[in-house]
Amino acid sequence: MSDQQLLERIVCDPKVMVGKPVIKGTRLTVEYILNLLAHGSTAEEILAEYKDLTPEDIRACLLFASRSLSSAAFMPLVVESS
């Protein structure tokens, strides 16, 4: 599946989840799926919990996040103390 096909699985609609990027046809935000993965859920666990999702939907979330961050500049989230 091409990058474009994956990205077409992510939509933003002001009427759905206040316009946050979601997996098309769901109310599951990209942020939510990424948070599940970040906290240790596996793709298999997420797919088992949300029967309508596909592995491509999870890959689409990862690609969307990657593309969204590619041109961003960041400041450290945590300030290290001396």
PDB file of N, CA and C in Angstrom:
ATOM      1  N   MET A   1       0.854  -1.176   0.000  1.00  0.00           N
ATOM      2  CA  MET A   1       0.000   0.000   0.000  1.00  0.00           C
ATOM      3  C   MET A   1       0.897   1.235   0.000  1.00  0.00           C
ATOM      4  N   SER A   2       0.581   2.195  -0.851  1.00  0.00           N
ATOM      5  CA  SER A   2       1.401   3.398  -0.964  1.00  0.00           C
ATOM      6  C   SER A   2       1.170   4.342   0.215  1.00  0.00           C
ATOM      7  N   ASP A   3       2.109   5.264   0.403  1.00  0.00           N
ATOM      8  CA  ASP A   3       1.955   6.266   1.454  1.00  0.00           C
ATOM      9  C   ASP A   3       0.663   7.045   1.271  1.00  0.00           C
ATOM     10  N   GLN A   4       0.362   7.421   0.036  1.00  0.00           N
ATOM     11  CA  GLN A   4      -0.850   8.198  -0.227  1.00  0.00           C
ATOM     12  C   GLN A   4      -2.103   7.412   0.170  1.00  0.00           C
ATOM     13  N   GLN A   5      -2.124   6.131  -0.148  1.00  0.00           N
ATOM     14  CA  GLN A   5      -3.273   5.300   0.225  1.00  0.00           C
ATOM     15  C   GLN A   5      -3.409   5.205   1.738  1.00  0.00           C
ATOM     16  N   LEU A   6      -2.287   5.085   2.429  1.00  0.00           N
ATOM     17  CA  LEU A   6      -2.334   5.043   3.892  1.00  0.00           C
ATOM     18  C   LEU A   6      -2.854   6.367   4.446  1.00  0.00           C
ATOM     19  N   LEU A   7      -2.330   7.477   3.941  1.00  0.00           N
ATOM     20  CA  LEU A   7      -2.738   8.780   4.459  1.00  0.00           C
ATOM     21  C   LEU A   7      -4.208   9.086   4.177  1.00  0.00           C
ATOM     22  N   GLU A   8      -4.779   8.494   3.146  1.00  0.00           N
ATOM     23  CA  GLU A   8      -6.201   8.681   2.853  1.00  0.00           C
ATOM     24  C   GLU A   8      -7.096   8.040   3.917  1.00  0.00           C
ATOM     25  N   ARG A   9      -6.521   7.195   4.767  1.00  0.00           N
ATOM     26  CA  ARG A   9      -7.272   6.572   5.864  1.00  0.00           C
ATOM     27  C   ARG A   9      -7.453   7.526   7.041  1.00  0.00           C
ATOM     28  N   ILE A  10      -6.709   8.638   7.039  1.00  0.00           N
ATOM     29  CA  ILE A  10      -6.781   9.622   8.122  1.00  0.00           C
ATOM     30  C   ILE A  10      -7.532  10.844   7.609  1.00  0.00           C
ATOM     31  N   VAL A  11      -8.545  11.258   8.359  1.00  0.00           N
ATOM     32  CA  VAL A  11      -9.350  12.418   7.954  1.00  0.00           C
ATOM     33  C   VAL A  11      -9.504  13.392   9.114  1.00  0.00           C
ATOM     34  N   CYS A  12      -9.743  14.640   8.760  1.00  0.00           N
ATOM     35  CA  CYS A  12     -10.019  15.685   9.750  1.00  0.00           C
ATOM     36  C   CYS A  12     -11.352  16.319   9.381  1.00  0.00           C
ATOM     37  N   ASP A  13     -12.282  16.286  10.305  1.00  0.00           N
ATOM     38  CA  ASP A  13     -13.609  16.859  10.087  1.00  0.00           C
ATOM     39  C   ASP A  13     -13.982  17.603  11.361  1.00  0.00           C
ATOM     40  N   PRO A  14     -14.264  18.910  11.254  1.00  0.00           N
ATOM     41  CA  PRO A  14     -14.598  19.675  12.457  1.00  0.00           C
ATOM     42  C   PRO A  14     -15.787  19.104  13.232  1.00  0.00           C
ATOM     43  N   LYS A  15     -16.604  18.290  12.581  1.00  0.00           N
ATOM     44  CA  LYS A  15     -17.775  17.709  13.232  1.00  0.00           C
ATOM     45  C   LYS A  15     -17.458  16.395  13.953  1.00  0.00           C
ATOM     46  N   VAL A  16     -16.250  15.902  13.778  1.00  0.00           N
ATOM     47  CA  VAL A  16     -15.857  14.631  14.403  1.00  0.00           C
ATOM     48  C   VAL A  16     -14.644  14.888  15.293  1.00  0.00           C
ATOM     49  N   MET A  17     -14.794  14.635  16.575  1.00  0.00           N
ATOM     50  CA  MET A  17     -13.710  14.770  17.550  1.00  0.00           C
ATOM     51  C   MET A  17     -13.036  16.144  17.460  1.00  0.00           C
ATOM     52  N   VAL A  18     -13.845  17.167  17.308  1.00  0.00           N
ATOM     53  CA  VAL A  18     -13.396  18.563  17.287  1.00  0.00           C
ATOM     54  C   VAL A  18     -12.324  18.795  16.214  1.00  0.00           C
ATOM     55  N   GLY A  19     -12.395  18.046  15.128  1.00  0.00           N
ATOM     56  CA  GLY A  19     -11.473  18.248  14.023  1.00  0.00           C
ATOM     57  C   GLY A  19     -10.128  17.567  14.151  1.00  0.00           C
ATOM     58  N   LYS A  20      -9.926  16.800  15.221  1.00  0.00           N
ATOM     59  CA  LYS A  20      -8.660  16.068  15.354  1.00  0.00           C
ATOM     60  C   LYS A  20      -8.573  15.011  14.252  1.00  0.00           C
ATOM     61  N   PRO A  21      -7.366  14.663  13.826  1.00  0.00           N
ATOM     62  CA  PRO A  21      -7.216  13.598  12.829  1.00  0.00           C
ATOM     63  C   PRO A  21      -7.712  12.265  13.396  1.00  0.00           C
ATOM     64  N   VAL A  22      -8.585  11.622  12.646  1.00  0.00           N
ATOM     65  CA  VAL A  22      -9.144  10.329  13.056  1.00  0.00           C
ATOM     66  C   VAL A  22      -8.990   9.324  11.935  1.00  0.00           C
ATOM     67  N   ILE A  23      -9.105   8.059  12.291  1.00  0.00           N
ATOM     68  CA  ILE A  23      -9.139   7.000  11.297  1.00  0.00           C
ATOM     69  C   ILE A  23     -10.510   7.068  10.622  1.00  0.00           C
ATOM     70  N   LYS A  24     -10.498   7.151   9.311  1.00  0.00           N
ATOM     71  CA  LYS A  24     -11.716   7.313   8.518  1.00  0.00           C
ATOM     72  C   LYS A  24     -12.793   6.307   8.938  1.00  0.00           C
ATOM     73  N   GLY A  25     -13.998   6.812   9.143  1.00  0.00           N
ATOM     74  CA  GLY A  25     -15.120   5.966   9.514  1.00  0.00           C
ATOM     75  C   GLY A  25     -15.199   5.641  10.988  1.00  0.00           C
ATOM     76  N   THR A  26     -14.307   6.231  11.789  1.00  0.00           N
ATOM     77  CA  THR A  26     -14.303   5.969  13.233  1.00  0.00           C
ATOM     78  C   THR A  26     -14.231   7.288  13.992  1.00  0.00           C
ATOM     79  N   ARG A  27     -14.278   7.190  15.287  1.00  0.00           N
ATOM     80  CA  ARG A  27     -14.021   8.333  16.159  1.00  0.00           C
ATOM     81  C   ARG A  27     -12.714   8.109  16.924  1.00  0.00           C
ATOM     82  N   LEU A  28     -11.886   7.233  16.405  1.00  0.00           N
ATOM     83  CA  LEU A  28     -10.593   6.942  17.018  1.00  0.00           C
ATOM     84  C   LEU A  28      -9.556   7.906  16.458  1.00  0.00           C
ATOM     85  N   THR A  29      -9.003   8.728  17.351  1.00  0.00           N
ATOM     86  CA  THR A  29      -8.029   9.715  16.896  1.00  0.00           C
ATOM     87  C   THR A  29      -6.658   9.072  16.705  1.00  0.00           C
ATOM     88  N   VAL A  30      -5.883   9.687  15.833  1.00  0.00           N
ATOM     89  CA  VAL A  30      -4.495   9.277  15.642  1.00  0.00           C
ATOM     90  C   VAL A  30      -3.772   9.370  16.983  1.00  0.00           C
ATOM     91  N   GLU A  31      -4.020  10.442  17.699  1.00  0.00           N
ATOM     92  CA  GLU A  31      -3.402  10.652  19.011  1.00  0.00           C
ATOM     93  C   GLU A  31      -3.691   9.480  19.953  1.00  0.00           C
ATOM     94  N   TYR A  32      -4.930   9.014  19.976  1.00  0.00           N
ATOM     95  CA  TYR A  32      -5.321   7.917  20.859  1.00  0.00           C
ATOM     96  C   TYR A  32      -4.576   6.634  20.501  1.00  0.00           C
ATOM     97  N   ILE A  33      -4.526   6.314  19.215  1.00  0.00           N
ATOM     98  CA  ILE A  33      -3.839   5.089  18.776  1.00  0.00           C
ATOM     99  C   ILE A  33      -2.351   5.176  19.110  1.00  0.00           C
ATOM    100  N   LEU A  34      -1.733   6.328  18.849  1.00  0.00           N
ATOM    101  CA  LEU A  34      -0.318   6.505  19.172  1.00  0.00           C
ATOM    102  C   LEU A  34      -0.075   6.388  20.673  1.00  0.00           C
ATOM    103  N   ASN A  35      -0.979   6.920  21.458  1.00  0.00           N
ATOM    104  CA  ASN A  35      -0.858   6.840  22.916  1.00  0.00           C
ATOM    105  C   ASN A  35      -0.934   5.385  23.387  1.00  0.00           C
ATOM    106  N   LEU A  36      -1.840   4.618  22.795  1.00  0.00           N
ATOM    107  CA  LEU A  36      -1.913   3.191  23.141  1.00  0.00           C
ATOM    108  C   LEU A  36      -0.584   2.495  22.846  1.00  0.00           C
ATOM    109  N   LEU A  37      -0.039   2.762  21.657  1.00  0.00           N
ATOM    110  CA  LEU A  37       1.236   2.149  21.279  1.00  0.00           C
ATOM    111  C   LEU A  37       2.357   2.608  22.209  1.00  0.00           C
ATOM    112  N   ALA A  38       2.375   3.893  22.530  1.00  0.00           N
ATOM    113  CA  ALA A  38       3.425   4.445  23.400  1.00  0.00           C
ATOM    114  C   ALA A  38       3.389   3.840  24.792  1.00  0.00           C
ATOM    115  N   HIS A  39       2.214   3.423  25.231  1.00  0.00           N
ATOM    116  CA  HIS A  39       2.078   2.852  26.573  1.00  0.00           C
ATOM    117  C   HIS A  39       2.114   1.335  26.574  1.00  0.00           C
ATOM    118  N   GLY A  40       2.585   0.762  25.475  1.00  0.00           N
ATOM    119  CA  GLY A  40       2.869  -0.666  25.473  1.00  0.00           C
ATOM    120  C   GLY A  40       1.862  -1.574  24.800  1.00  0.00           C
ATOM    121  N   SER A  41       0.747  -1.040  24.336  1.00  0.00           N
ATOM    122  CA  SER A  41      -0.196  -1.896  23.618  1.00  0.00           C
ATOM    123  C   SER A  41       0.433  -2.302  22.287  1.00  0.00           C
ATOM    124  N   THR A  42       0.194  -3.531  21.904  1.00  0.00           N
ATOM    125  CA  THR A  42       0.683  -3.978  20.598  1.00  0.00           C
ATOM    126  C   THR A  42      -0.391  -3.715  19.557  1.00  0.00           C
ATOM    127  N   ALA A  43       0.033  -3.718  18.314  1.00  0.00           N
ATOM    128  CA  ALA A  43      -0.935  -3.554  17.225  1.00  0.00           C
ATOM    129  C   ALA A  43      -1.988  -4.662  17.297  1.00  0.00           C
ATOM    130  N   GLU A  44      -1.560  -5.862  17.629  1.00  0.00           N
ATOM    131  CA  GLU A  44      -2.491  -6.988  17.719  1.00  0.00           C
ATOM    132  C   GLU A  44      -3.537  -6.765  18.809  1.00  0.00           C
ATOM    133  N   GLU A  45      -3.112  -6.208  19.945  1.00  0.00           N
ATOM    134  CA  GLU A  45      -4.056  -5.925  21.032  1.00  0.00           C
ATOM    135  C   GLU A  45      -5.059  -4.850  20.619  1.00  0.00           C
ATOM    136  N   ILE A  46      -4.575  -3.835  19.936  1.00  0.00           N
ATOM    137  CA  ILE A  46      -5.471  -2.759  19.488  1.00  0.00           C
ATOM    138  C   ILE A  46      -6.463  -3.298  18.475  1.00  0.00           C
ATOM    139  N   LEU A  47      -5.997  -4.118  17.550  1.00  0.00           N
ATOM    140  CA  LEU A  47      -6.885  -4.697  16.535  1.00  0.00           C
ATOM    141  C   LEU A  47      -7.915  -5.634  17.166  1.00  0.00           C
ATOM    142  N   ALA A  48      -7.531  -6.334  18.223  1.00  0.00           N
ATOM    143  CA  ALA A  48      -8.471  -7.224  18.907  1.00  0.00           C
ATOM    144  C   ALA A  48      -9.549  -6.424  19.636  1.00  0.00           C
ATOM    145  N   GLU A  49      -9.168  -5.259  20.167  1.00  0.00           N
ATOM    146  CA  GLU A  49     -10.115  -4.415  20.907  1.00  0.00           C
ATOM    147  C   GLU A  49     -11.058  -3.662  19.972  1.00  0.00           C
ATOM    148  N   TYR A  50     -10.551  -3.244  18.828  1.00  0.00           N
ATOM    149  CA  TYR A  50     -11.340  -2.449  17.872  1.00  0.00           C
ATOM    150  C   TYR A  50     -11.442  -3.246  16.576  1.00  0.00           C
ATOM    151  N   LYS A  51     -12.468  -4.072  16.508  1.00  0.00           N
ATOM    152  CA  LYS A  51     -12.627  -5.061  15.435  1.00  0.00           C
ATOM    153  C   LYS A  51     -12.675  -4.459  14.032  1.00  0.00           C
ATOM    154  N   ASP A  52     -13.100  -3.195  13.899  1.00  0.00           N
ATOM    155  CA  ASP A  52     -13.206  -2.593  12.572  1.00  0.00           C
ATOM    156  C   ASP A  52     -11.881  -2.028  12.063  1.00  0.00           C
ATOM    157  N   LEU A  53     -10.861  -1.983  12.917  1.00  0.00           N
ATOM    158  CA  LEU A  53      -9.559  -1.470  12.492  1.00  0.00           C
ATOM    159  C   LEU A  53      -8.787  -2.535  11.736  1.00  0.00           C
ATOM    160  N   THR A  54      -7.869  -2.052  10.916  1.00  0.00           N
ATOM    161  CA  THR A  54      -6.991  -2.945  10.164  1.00  0.00           C
ATOM    162  C   THR A  54      -5.539  -2.582  10.489  1.00  0.00           C
ATOM    163  N   PRO A  55      -4.615  -3.490  10.195  1.00  0.00           N
ATOM    164  CA  PRO A  55      -3.204  -3.148  10.390  1.00  0.00           C
ATOM    165  C   PRO A  55      -2.807  -1.885   9.615  1.00  0.00           C
ATOM    166  N   GLU A  56      -3.415  -1.695   8.449  1.00  0.00           N
ATOM    167  CA  GLU A  56      -3.125  -0.501   7.650  1.00  0.00           C
ATOM    168  C   GLU A  56      -3.560   0.773   8.367  1.00  0.00           C
ATOM    169  N   ASP A  57      -4.637   0.711   9.142  1.00  0.00           N
ATOM    170  CA  ASP A  57      -5.078   1.888   9.906  1.00  0.00           C
ATOM    171  C   ASP A  57      -4.010   2.295  10.922  1.00  0.00           C
ATOM    172  N   ILE A  58      -3.417   1.326  11.570  1.00  0.00           N
ATOM    173  CA  ILE A  58      -2.374   1.626  12.553  1.00  0.00           C
ATOM    174  C   ILE A  58      -1.137   2.169  11.841  1.00  0.00           C
ATOM    175  N   ARG A  59      -0.763   1.557  10.725  1.00  0.00           N
ATOM    176  CA  ARG A  59       0.359   2.077   9.944  1.00  0.00           C
ATOM    177  C   ARG A  59       0.069   3.492   9.469  1.00  0.00           C
ATOM    178  N   ALA A  60      -1.168   3.770   9.107  1.00  0.00           N
ATOM    179  CA  ALA A  60      -1.543   5.117   8.669  1.00  0.00           C
ATOM    180  C   ALA A  60      -1.339   6.132   9.788  1.00  0.00           C
ATOM    181  N   CYS A  61      -1.682   5.754  11.010  1.00  0.00           N
ATOM    182  CA  CYS A  61      -1.472   6.648  12.156  1.00  0.00           C
ATOM    183  C   CYS A  61       0.004   6.961  12.334  1.00  0.00           C
ATOM    184  N   LEU A  62       0.842   5.948  12.230  1.00  0.00           N
ATOM    185  CA  LEU A  62       2.278   6.148  12.379  1.00  0.00           C
ATOM    186  C   LEU A  62       2.835   7.026  11.258  1.00  0.00           C
ATOM    187  N   LEU A  63       2.410   6.782  10.036  1.00  0.00           N
ATOM    188  CA  LEU A  63       2.866   7.587   8.912  1.00  0.00           C
ATOM    189  C   LEU A  63       2.387   9.026   9.043  1.00  0.00           C
ATOM    190  N   PHE A  64       1.127   9.206   9.437  1.00  0.00           N
ATOM    191  CA  PHE A  64       0.587  10.553   9.622  1.00  0.00           C
ATOM    192  C   PHE A  64       1.412  11.315  10.656  1.00  0.00           C
ATOM    193  N   ALA A  65       1.714  10.671  11.766  1.00  0.00           N
ATOM    194  CA  ALA A  65       2.504  11.318  12.814  1.00  0.00           C
ATOM    195  C   ALA A  65       3.900  11.652  12.302  1.00  0.00           C
ATOM    196  N   SER A  66       4.506  10.734  11.596  1.00  0.00           N
ATOM    197  CA  SER A  66       5.834  10.958  11.048  1.00  0.00           C
ATOM    198  C   SER A  66       5.841  12.153  10.099  1.00  0.00           C
ATOM    199  N   ARG A  67       4.879  12.195   9.213  1.00  0.00           N
ATOM    200  CA  ARG A  67       4.794  13.313   8.265  1.00  0.00           C
ATOM    201  C   ARG A  67       4.488  14.621   8.983  1.00  0.00           C
ATOM    202  N   SER A  68       3.656  14.562  10.002  1.00  0.00           N
ATOM    203  CA  SER A  68       3.298  15.776  10.740  1.00  0.00           C
ATOM    204  C   SER A  68       4.500  16.362  11.475  1.00  0.00           C
ATOM    205  N   LEU A  69       5.394  15.502  11.912  1.00  0.00           N
ATOM    206  CA  LEU A  69       6.552  15.948  12.680  1.00  0.00           C
ATOM    207  C   LEU A  69       7.767  16.282  11.821  1.00  0.00           C
ATOM    208  N   SER A  70       7.722  15.925  10.558  1.00  0.00           N
ATOM    209  CA  SER A  70       8.922  16.037   9.724  1.00  0.00           C
ATOM    210  C   SER A  70       9.443  17.463   9.566  1.00  0.00           C
ATOM    211  N   SER A  71       8.571  18.441   9.631  1.00  0.00           N
ATOM    212  CA  SER A  71       9.048  19.817   9.445  1.00  0.00           C
ATOM    213  C   SER A  71       8.883  20.664  10.705  1.00  0.00           C
ATOM    214  N   ALA A  72       8.659  20.031  11.820  1.00  0.00           N
ATOM    215  CA  ALA A  72       8.448  20.768  13.069  1.00  0.00           C
ATOM    216  C   ALA A  72       9.769  20.978  13.805  1.00  0.00           C
ATOM    217  N   ALA A  73       9.862  22.109  14.456  1.00  0.00           N
ATOM    218  CA  ALA A  73      11.003  22.378  15.342  1.00  0.00           C
ATOM    219  C   ALA A  73      10.524  22.191  16.770  1.00  0.00           C
ATOM    220  N   PHE A  74      11.369  21.627  17.615  1.00  0.00           N
ATOM    221  CA  PHE A  74      10.942  21.296  18.964  1.00  0.00           C
ATOM    222  C   PHE A  74      11.823  21.907  20.019  1.00  0.00           C
ATOM    223  N   MET A  75      11.199  22.199  21.112  1.00  0.00           N
ATOM    224  CA  MET A  75      11.894  22.586  22.332  1.00  0.00           C
ATOM    225  C   MET A  75      11.811  21.378  23.251  1.00  0.00           C
ATOM    226  N   PRO A  76      12.793  21.203  24.128  1.00  0.00           N
ATOM    227  CA  PRO A  76      12.737  20.065  25.051  1.00  0.00           C
ATOM    228  C   PRO A  76      11.476  20.113  25.908  1.00  0.00           C
ATOM    229  N   LEU A  77      10.858  18.959  26.118  1.00  0.00           N
ATOM    230  CA  LEU A  77       9.681  18.873  26.968  1.00  0.00           C
ATOM    231  C   LEU A  77      10.056  18.923  28.443  1.00  0.00           C
ATOM    232  N   VAL A  78      11.238  18.441  28.772  1.00  0.00           N
ATOM    233  CA  VAL A  78      11.689  18.399  30.153  1.00  0.00           C
ATOM    234  C   VAL A  78      12.976  19.214  30.241  1.00  0.00           C
ATOM    235  N   VAL A  79      13.029  20.115  31.180  1.00  0.00           N
ATOM    236  CA  VAL A  79      14.227  20.902  31.405  1.00  0.00           C
ATOM    237  C   VAL A  79      15.073  20.175  32.440  1.00  0.00           C
ATOM    238  N   GLU A  80      16.291  19.835  32.041  1.00  0.00           N
ATOM    239  CA  GLU A  80      17.177  19.134  32.959  1.00  0.00           C
ATOM    240  C   GLU A  80      17.744  20.124  33.966  1.00  0.00           C
ATOM    241  N   SER A  81      17.745  19.723  35.219  1.00  0.00           N
ATOM    242  CA  SER A  81      18.326  20.591  36.261  1.00  0.00           C
ATOM    243  C   SER A  81      19.802  20.289  36.419  1.00  0.00           C
ATOM    244  N   SER A  82      20.566  21.296  36.740  1.00  0.00           N
ATOM    245  CA  SER A  82      22.022  21.136  36.884  1.00  0.00           C
ATOM    246  C   SER A  82      22.381  20.737  38.290  1.00  0.00           C
TER     247      SER A  82
END
